[in-house]
Amino acid sequence: MKRLLIVLLLLPSPLLAQQNSNPNIQNGNVEITPWIGGGSGVGASSSFKFFESGVRIGKIITPEIGTGRFRWRFEYAGDLIPVYLIDLPKGPWVYSGGFNPVVLKFAFTANKKVVPFVEANGGVLFSSRDVPQPKTSYVNFMSGVQGGFHYFIREKRAITFSTQVIHISNASLGAHNPGINASVHFRLGFTIFK
């Protein structure tokens, strides 16, 4: 298995060989990404379902660092999430909204057509009723990790796909703190760099 992984990493790919289509994205550029997404809980939280919509605003903090296939840059961003619907196992959909003021994003820039990224994020979620059950809290905290890629369709314009694993907990603000220990969400967005 290790040998197969090494061979796949070293093989040239037609996708990775494409010419630079976003040469002007640099330190200081701003990212704006409206997105929609959804997912479901996993494990003990598998009966929860989610739908979300929001916008990300970020700023590239560093120039490209490293050489060859290991070039990367760092971006700090935040998500505004006006729609975050949660389908509770024994109840109706609950309307929520929130924001992630901390998004630490690392984009790997060796390829200029397909730019993969990984990130860690955290924020707050406000709901119209207790989540995930009565006697918990209207306010919850979210933390997660996300991975995905920007697919550039032209200079400074990309379609963005990502998968996020999220933990939701009220940090003992309520009488109980069962949390939604893990959920997997998929996002689709359109990214503009300025």
C-alpha atoms as a PDB file:
ATOM      1  CA  MET A   1       0.000   0.000   0.000  1.00  0.00           C
ATOM      2  CA  LYS A   2       2.845   2.409   0.874  1.00  0.00           C
ATOM      3  CA  ARG A   3       4.525   1.747  -2.479  1.00  0.00           C
ATOM      4  CA  LEU A   4       1.296   2.411  -4.373  1.00  0.00           C
ATOM      5  CA  LEU A   5       0.846   5.719  -2.538  1.00  0.00           C
ATOM      6  CA  ILE A   6       4.435   6.759  -3.315  1.00  0.00           C
ATOM      7  CA  VAL A   7       4.010   5.865  -7.010  1.00  0.00           C
ATOM      8  CA  LEU A   8       0.753   7.842  -7.226  1.00  0.00           C
ATOM      9  CA  LEU A   9       2.368  10.875  -5.617  1.00  0.00           C
ATOM     10  CA  LEU A  10       5.312  10.794  -8.005  1.00  0.00           C
ATOM     11  CA  LEU A  11       3.370  10.191 -11.223  1.00  0.00           C
ATOM     12  CA  PRO A  12       2.701  13.307 -13.262  1.00  0.00           C
ATOM     13  CA  SER A  13      -0.980  14.008 -13.676  1.00  0.00           C
ATOM     14  CA  PRO A  14      -2.553  15.843 -16.613  1.00  0.00           C
ATOM     15  CA  LEU A  15      -4.556  17.845 -14.079  1.00  0.00           C
ATOM     16  CA  LEU A  16      -1.392  18.913 -12.273  1.00  0.00           C
ATOM     17  CA  ALA A  17       0.364  19.805 -15.516  1.00  0.00           C
ATOM     18  CA  GLN A  18      -2.122  22.466 -16.585  1.00  0.00           C
ATOM     19  CA  GLN A  19      -0.861  25.993 -17.040  1.00  0.00           C
ATOM     20  CA  ASN A  20      -1.216  28.683 -14.439  1.00  0.00           C
ATOM     21  CA  SER A  21      -4.730  30.145 -14.669  1.00  0.00           C
ATOM     22  CA  ASN A  22      -4.604  32.325 -11.533  1.00  0.00           C
ATOM     23  CA  PRO A  23      -1.179  34.008 -11.616  1.00  0.00           C
ATOM     24  CA  ASN A  24      -2.215  37.149  -9.772  1.00  0.00           C
ATOM     25  CA  ILE A  25      -3.417  35.648  -6.476  1.00  0.00           C
ATOM     26  CA  GLN A  26      -0.930  36.941  -3.946  1.00  0.00           C
ATOM     27  CA  ASN A  27      -0.362  37.979  -0.382  1.00  0.00           C
ATOM     28  CA  GLY A  28      -3.050  40.525   0.539  1.00  0.00           C
ATOM     29  CA  ASN A  29      -5.718  39.286  -1.881  1.00  0.00           C
ATOM     30  CA  VAL A  30      -9.233  38.862  -0.453  1.00  0.00           C
ATOM     31  CA  GLU A  31     -11.363  35.729  -0.897  1.00  0.00           C
ATOM     32  CA  ILE A  32     -15.162  35.959  -1.082  1.00  0.00           C
ATOM     33  CA  THR A  33     -17.024  32.640  -1.298  1.00  0.00           C
ATOM     34  CA  PRO A  34     -20.814  32.273  -1.079  1.00  0.00           C
ATOM     35  CA  TRP A  35     -21.622  28.598  -0.453  1.00  0.00           C
ATOM     36  CA  ILE A  36     -24.339  26.050   0.272  1.00  0.00           C
ATOM     37  CA  GLY A  37     -23.949  22.709   1.943  1.00  0.00           C
ATOM     38  CA  GLY A  38     -25.387  19.975   4.037  1.00  0.00           C
ATOM     39  CA  GLY A  39     -24.661  16.705   5.704  1.00  0.00           C
ATOM     40  CA  SER A  40     -25.497  14.347   8.499  1.00  0.00           C
ATOM     41  CA  GLY A  41     -24.218  13.199  11.830  1.00  0.00           C
ATOM     42  CA  VAL A  42     -22.009  10.150  12.142  1.00  0.00           C
ATOM     43  CA  GLY A  43     -21.804   7.452  14.775  1.00  0.00           C
ATOM     44  CA  ALA A  44     -24.028   8.172  17.784  1.00  0.00           C
ATOM     45  CA  SER A  45     -25.116  11.429  16.080  1.00  0.00           C
ATOM     46  CA  SER A  46     -26.151   9.775  12.783  1.00  0.00           C
ATOM     47  CA  SER A  47     -29.835  10.736  13.114  1.00  0.00           C
ATOM     48  CA  PHE A  48     -29.074  14.481  12.761  1.00  0.00           C
ATOM     49  CA  LYS A  49     -29.316  16.143   9.331  1.00  0.00           C
ATOM     50  CA  PHE A  50     -28.071  19.604   8.315  1.00  0.00           C
ATOM     51  CA  PHE A  51     -28.533  22.229   5.610  1.00  0.00           C
ATOM     52  CA  GLU A  52     -26.478  25.408   5.593  1.00  0.00           C
ATOM     53  CA  SER A  53     -25.727  28.478   3.524  1.00  0.00           C
ATOM     54  CA  GLY A  54     -23.262  31.268   4.097  1.00  0.00           C
ATOM     55  CA  VAL A  55     -20.408  33.369   2.857  1.00  0.00           C
ATOM     56  CA  ARG A  56     -16.694  33.257   3.593  1.00  0.00           C
ATOM     57  CA  ILE A  57     -14.516  36.340   3.632  1.00  0.00           C
ATOM     58  CA  GLY A  58     -10.795  35.813   3.977  1.00  0.00           C
ATOM     59  CA  LYS A  59      -7.441  37.405   3.356  1.00  0.00           C
ATOM     60  CA  ILE A  60      -4.249  35.763   2.135  1.00  0.00           C
ATOM     61  CA  ILE A  61      -1.659  36.521   4.811  1.00  0.00           C
ATOM     62  CA  THR A  62       1.546  35.069   3.353  1.00  0.00           C
ATOM     63  CA  PRO A  63       3.216  34.830  -0.039  1.00  0.00           C
ATOM     64  CA  GLU A  64       3.855  31.316  -1.344  1.00  0.00           C
ATOM     65  CA  ILE A  65       6.161  29.422   0.996  1.00  0.00           C
ATOM     66  CA  GLY A  66       8.252  26.433  -0.028  1.00  0.00           C
ATOM     67  CA  THR A  67       9.234  25.047  -3.403  1.00  0.00           C
ATOM     68  CA  GLY A  68       8.030  22.511  -5.950  1.00  0.00           C
ATOM     69  CA  ARG A  69       5.041  20.415  -4.989  1.00  0.00           C
ATOM     70  CA  PHE A  70       5.185  21.673  -1.424  1.00  0.00           C
ATOM     71  CA  ARG A  71       4.401  25.344  -2.087  1.00  0.00           C
ATOM     72  CA  TRP A  72       1.670  26.707   0.142  1.00  0.00           C
ATOM     73  CA  ARG A  73       0.201  29.931   1.516  1.00  0.00           C
ATOM     74  CA  PHE A  74      -1.728  30.831   4.653  1.00  0.00           C
ATOM     75  CA  GLU A  75      -5.105  32.575   4.758  1.00  0.00           C
ATOM     76  CA  TYR A  76      -7.138  33.882   7.680  1.00  0.00           C
ATOM     77  CA  ALA A  77     -10.899  33.910   7.089  1.00  0.00           C
ATOM     78  CA  GLY A  78     -14.306  34.011   8.728  1.00  0.00           C
ATOM     79  CA  ASP A  79     -17.684  32.510   7.807  1.00  0.00           C
ATOM     80  CA  LEU A  80     -21.033  34.268   8.174  1.00  0.00           C
ATOM     81  CA  ILE A  81     -23.753  31.591   8.316  1.00  0.00           C
ATOM     82  CA  PRO A  82     -27.277  33.094   8.186  1.00  0.00           C
ATOM     83  CA  VAL A  83     -28.932  29.719   7.441  1.00  0.00           C
ATOM     84  CA  TYR A  84     -28.017  26.612   9.434  1.00  0.00           C
ATOM     85  CA  LEU A  85     -30.935  24.178   9.660  1.00  0.00           C
ATOM     86  CA  ILE A  86     -30.755  21.145  11.946  1.00  0.00           C
ATOM     87  CA  ASP A  87     -33.152  18.204  11.630  1.00  0.00           C
ATOM     88  CA  LEU A  88     -33.472  16.841  15.166  1.00  0.00           C
ATOM     89  CA  PRO A  89     -34.087  13.088  15.557  1.00  0.00           C
ATOM     90  CA  LYS A  90     -37.354  13.508  17.493  1.00  0.00           C
ATOM     91  CA  GLY A  91     -38.478  16.915  16.387  1.00  0.00           C
ATOM     92  CA  PRO A  92     -38.801  19.398  13.560  1.00  0.00           C
ATOM     93  CA  TRP A  93     -36.064  21.232  11.685  1.00  0.00           C
ATOM     94  CA  VAL A  94     -34.580  23.939  13.899  1.00  0.00           C
ATOM     95  CA  TYR A  95     -33.515  27.246  12.376  1.00  0.00           C
ATOM     96  CA  SER A  96     -30.066  28.394  13.438  1.00  0.00           C
ATOM     97  CA  GLY A  97     -27.495  30.911  12.315  1.00  0.00           C
ATOM     98  CA  GLY A  98     -24.009  31.788  13.367  1.00  0.00           C
ATOM     99  CA  PHE A  99     -20.487  32.629  12.419  1.00  0.00           C
ATOM    100  CA  ASN A 100     -16.973  31.201  12.429  1.00  0.00           C
ATOM    101  CA  PRO A 101     -14.635  34.077  13.342  1.00  0.00           C
ATOM    102  CA  VAL A 102     -11.612  31.768  13.249  1.00  0.00           C
ATOM    103  CA  VAL A 103     -10.742  29.981  10.004  1.00  0.00           C
ATOM    104  CA  LEU A 104      -7.058  29.044   9.621  1.00  0.00           C
ATOM    105  CA  LYS A 105      -6.582  27.897   6.022  1.00  0.00           C
ATOM    106  CA  PHE A 106      -3.531  26.401   4.293  1.00  0.00           C
ATOM    107  CA  ALA A 107      -3.734  26.291   0.478  1.00  0.00           C
ATOM    108  CA  PHE A 108      -1.265  24.180  -1.513  1.00  0.00           C
ATOM    109  CA  THR A 109      -0.376  26.205  -4.593  1.00  0.00           C
ATOM    110  CA  ALA A 110       1.978  24.029  -6.680  1.00  0.00           C
ATOM    111  CA  ASN A 111      -0.870  23.570  -9.157  1.00  0.00           C
ATOM    112  CA  LYS A 112      -2.578  26.745 -10.299  1.00  0.00           C
ATOM    113  CA  LYS A 113      -5.699  25.109 -11.780  1.00  0.00           C
ATOM    114  CA  VAL A 114      -6.619  22.848  -8.837  1.00  0.00           C
ATOM    115  CA  VAL A 115      -5.600  24.276  -5.458  1.00  0.00           C
ATOM    116  CA  PRO A 116      -6.241  21.917  -2.514  1.00  0.00           C
ATOM    117  CA  PHE A 117      -6.598  23.291   1.003  1.00  0.00           C
ATOM    118  CA  VAL A 118      -6.996  22.187   4.612  1.00  0.00           C
ATOM    119  CA  GLU A 119      -8.231  24.280   7.514  1.00  0.00           C
ATOM    120  CA  ALA A 120      -9.294  24.390  11.137  1.00  0.00           C
ATOM    121  CA  ASN A 121     -12.258  26.543  12.163  1.00  0.00           C
ATOM    122  CA  GLY A 122     -14.354  27.498  15.140  1.00  0.00           C
ATOM    123  CA  GLY A 123     -17.422  29.569  15.857  1.00  0.00           C
ATOM    124  CA  VAL A 124     -20.786  30.073  17.520  1.00  0.00           C
ATOM    125  CA  LEU A 125     -24.266  28.849  16.549  1.00  0.00           C
ATOM    126  CA  PHE A 126     -27.524  30.476  17.743  1.00  0.00           C
ATOM    127  CA  SER A 127     -30.724  28.411  17.415  1.00  0.00           C
ATOM    128  CA  SER A 128     -34.439  29.122  17.695  1.00  0.00           C
ATOM    129  CA  ARG A 129     -34.736  26.382  20.329  1.00  0.00           C
ATOM    130  CA  ASP A 130     -32.528  24.119  22.425  1.00  0.00           C
ATOM    131  CA  VAL A 131     -30.164  21.963  20.368  1.00  0.00           C
ATOM    132  CA  PRO A 132     -29.758  19.027  20.348  1.00  0.00           C
ATOM    133  CA  GLN A 133     -32.559  18.383  22.879  1.00  0.00           C
ATOM    134  CA  PRO A 134     -34.596  20.169  25.586  1.00  0.00           C
ATOM    135  CA  LYS A 135     -32.700  21.489  28.604  1.00  0.00           C
ATOM    136  CA  THR A 136     -29.497  21.984  26.619  1.00  0.00           C
ATOM    137  CA  SER A 137     -28.947  25.445  25.095  1.00  0.00           C
ATOM    138  CA  TYR A 138     -29.952  27.864  22.334  1.00  0.00           C
ATOM    139  CA  VAL A 139     -26.257  28.715  22.012  1.00  0.00           C
ATOM    140  CA  ASN A 140     -23.668  26.175  20.859  1.00  0.00           C
ATOM    141  CA  PHE A 141     -20.046  26.291  19.831  1.00  0.00           C
ATOM    142  CA  MET A 142     -18.752  24.701  16.636  1.00  0.00           C
ATOM    143  CA  SER A 143     -15.261  23.445  15.907  1.00  0.00           C
ATOM    144  CA  GLY A 144     -14.110  21.544  12.901  1.00  0.00           C
ATOM    145  CA  VAL A 145     -11.615  20.651  10.240  1.00  0.00           C
ATOM    146  CA  GLN A 146     -12.197  20.986   6.538  1.00  0.00           C
ATOM    147  CA  GLY A 147     -10.468  19.887   3.358  1.00  0.00           C
ATOM    148  CA  GLY A 148     -11.240  20.638  -0.241  1.00  0.00           C
ATOM    149  CA  PHE A 149     -10.054  22.357  -3.372  1.00  0.00           C
ATOM    150  CA  HIS A 150     -10.560  25.404  -5.559  1.00  0.00           C
ATOM    151  CA  TYR A 151     -11.036  24.528  -9.247  1.00  0.00           C
ATOM    152  CA  PHE A 152     -10.144  27.659 -11.201  1.00  0.00           C
ATOM    153  CA  ILE A 153     -12.394  28.281 -14.188  1.00  0.00           C
ATOM    154  CA  ARG A 154     -10.605  31.528 -15.032  1.00  0.00           C
ATOM    155  CA  GLU A 155      -8.223  33.971 -13.411  1.00  0.00           C
ATOM    156  CA  LYS A 156      -9.258  34.696  -9.793  1.00  0.00           C
ATOM    157  CA  ARG A 157     -12.536  32.730 -10.172  1.00  0.00           C
ATOM    158  CA  ALA A 158     -13.000  29.192  -8.861  1.00  0.00           C
ATOM    159  CA  ILE A 159     -15.618  26.610  -8.022  1.00  0.00           C
ATOM    160  CA  THR A 160     -14.898  25.378  -4.507  1.00  0.00           C
ATOM    161  CA  PHE A 161     -15.687  21.886  -3.166  1.00  0.00           C
ATOM    162  CA  SER A 162     -15.040  20.827   0.414  1.00  0.00           C
ATOM    163  CA  THR A 163     -15.834  18.323   3.138  1.00  0.00           C
ATOM    164  CA  GLN A 164     -15.992  19.353   6.772  1.00  0.00           C
ATOM    165  CA  VAL A 165     -16.148  17.401  10.030  1.00  0.00           C
ATOM    166  CA  ILE A 166     -17.882  19.445  12.765  1.00  0.00           C
ATOM    167  CA  HIS A 167     -18.353  19.054  16.510  1.00  0.00           C
ATOM    168  CA  ILE A 168     -21.196  21.036  18.144  1.00  0.00           C
ATOM    169  CA  SER A 169     -21.347  21.531  21.917  1.00  0.00           C
ATOM    170  CA  ASN A 170     -22.844  24.062  24.337  1.00  0.00           C
ATOM    171  CA  ALA A 171     -19.734  23.907  26.593  1.00  0.00           C
ATOM    172  CA  SER A 172     -22.049  23.292  29.585  1.00  0.00           C
ATOM    173  CA  LEU A 173     -24.060  26.506  29.138  1.00  0.00           C
ATOM    174  CA  GLY A 174     -27.208  24.409  29.575  1.00  0.00           C
ATOM    175  CA  ALA A 175     -28.326  21.885  32.158  1.00  0.00           C
ATOM    176  CA  HIS A 176     -27.090  19.107  29.849  1.00  0.00           C
ATOM    177  CA  ASN A 177     -24.330  18.996  27.253  1.00  0.00           C
ATOM    178  CA  PRO A 178     -24.823  15.918  25.046  1.00  0.00           C
ATOM    179  CA  GLY A 179     -23.521  17.748  21.960  1.00  0.00           C
ATOM    180  CA  ILE A 180     -23.512  16.551  18.386  1.00  0.00           C
ATOM    181  CA  ASN A 181     -20.151  14.887  18.582  1.00  0.00           C
ATOM    182  CA  ALA A 182     -19.457  14.543  14.872  1.00  0.00           C
ATOM    183  CA  SER A 183     -21.130  15.381  11.605  1.00  0.00           C
ATOM    184  CA  VAL A 184     -19.847  15.415   8.041  1.00  0.00           C
ATOM    185  CA  HIS A 185     -20.866  18.280   5.743  1.00  0.00           C
ATOM    186  CA  PHE A 186     -20.266  18.852   2.035  1.00  0.00           C
ATOM    187  CA  ARG A 187     -20.009  22.379   0.612  1.00  0.00           C
ATOM    188  CA  LEU A 188     -20.178  23.867  -2.864  1.00  0.00           C
ATOM    189  CA  GLY A 189     -19.183  27.477  -3.421  1.00  0.00           C
ATOM    190  CA  PHE A 190     -18.119  30.027  -5.983  1.00  0.00           C
ATOM    191  CA  THR A 191     -14.914  31.853  -5.011  1.00  0.00           C
ATOM    192  CA  ILE A 192     -13.810  35.291  -6.126  1.00  0.00           C
ATOM    193  CA  PHE A 193     -10.324  36.539  -5.287  1.00  0.00           C
ATOM    194  CA  LYS A 194      -9.809  40.328  -5.322  1.00  0.00           C
END
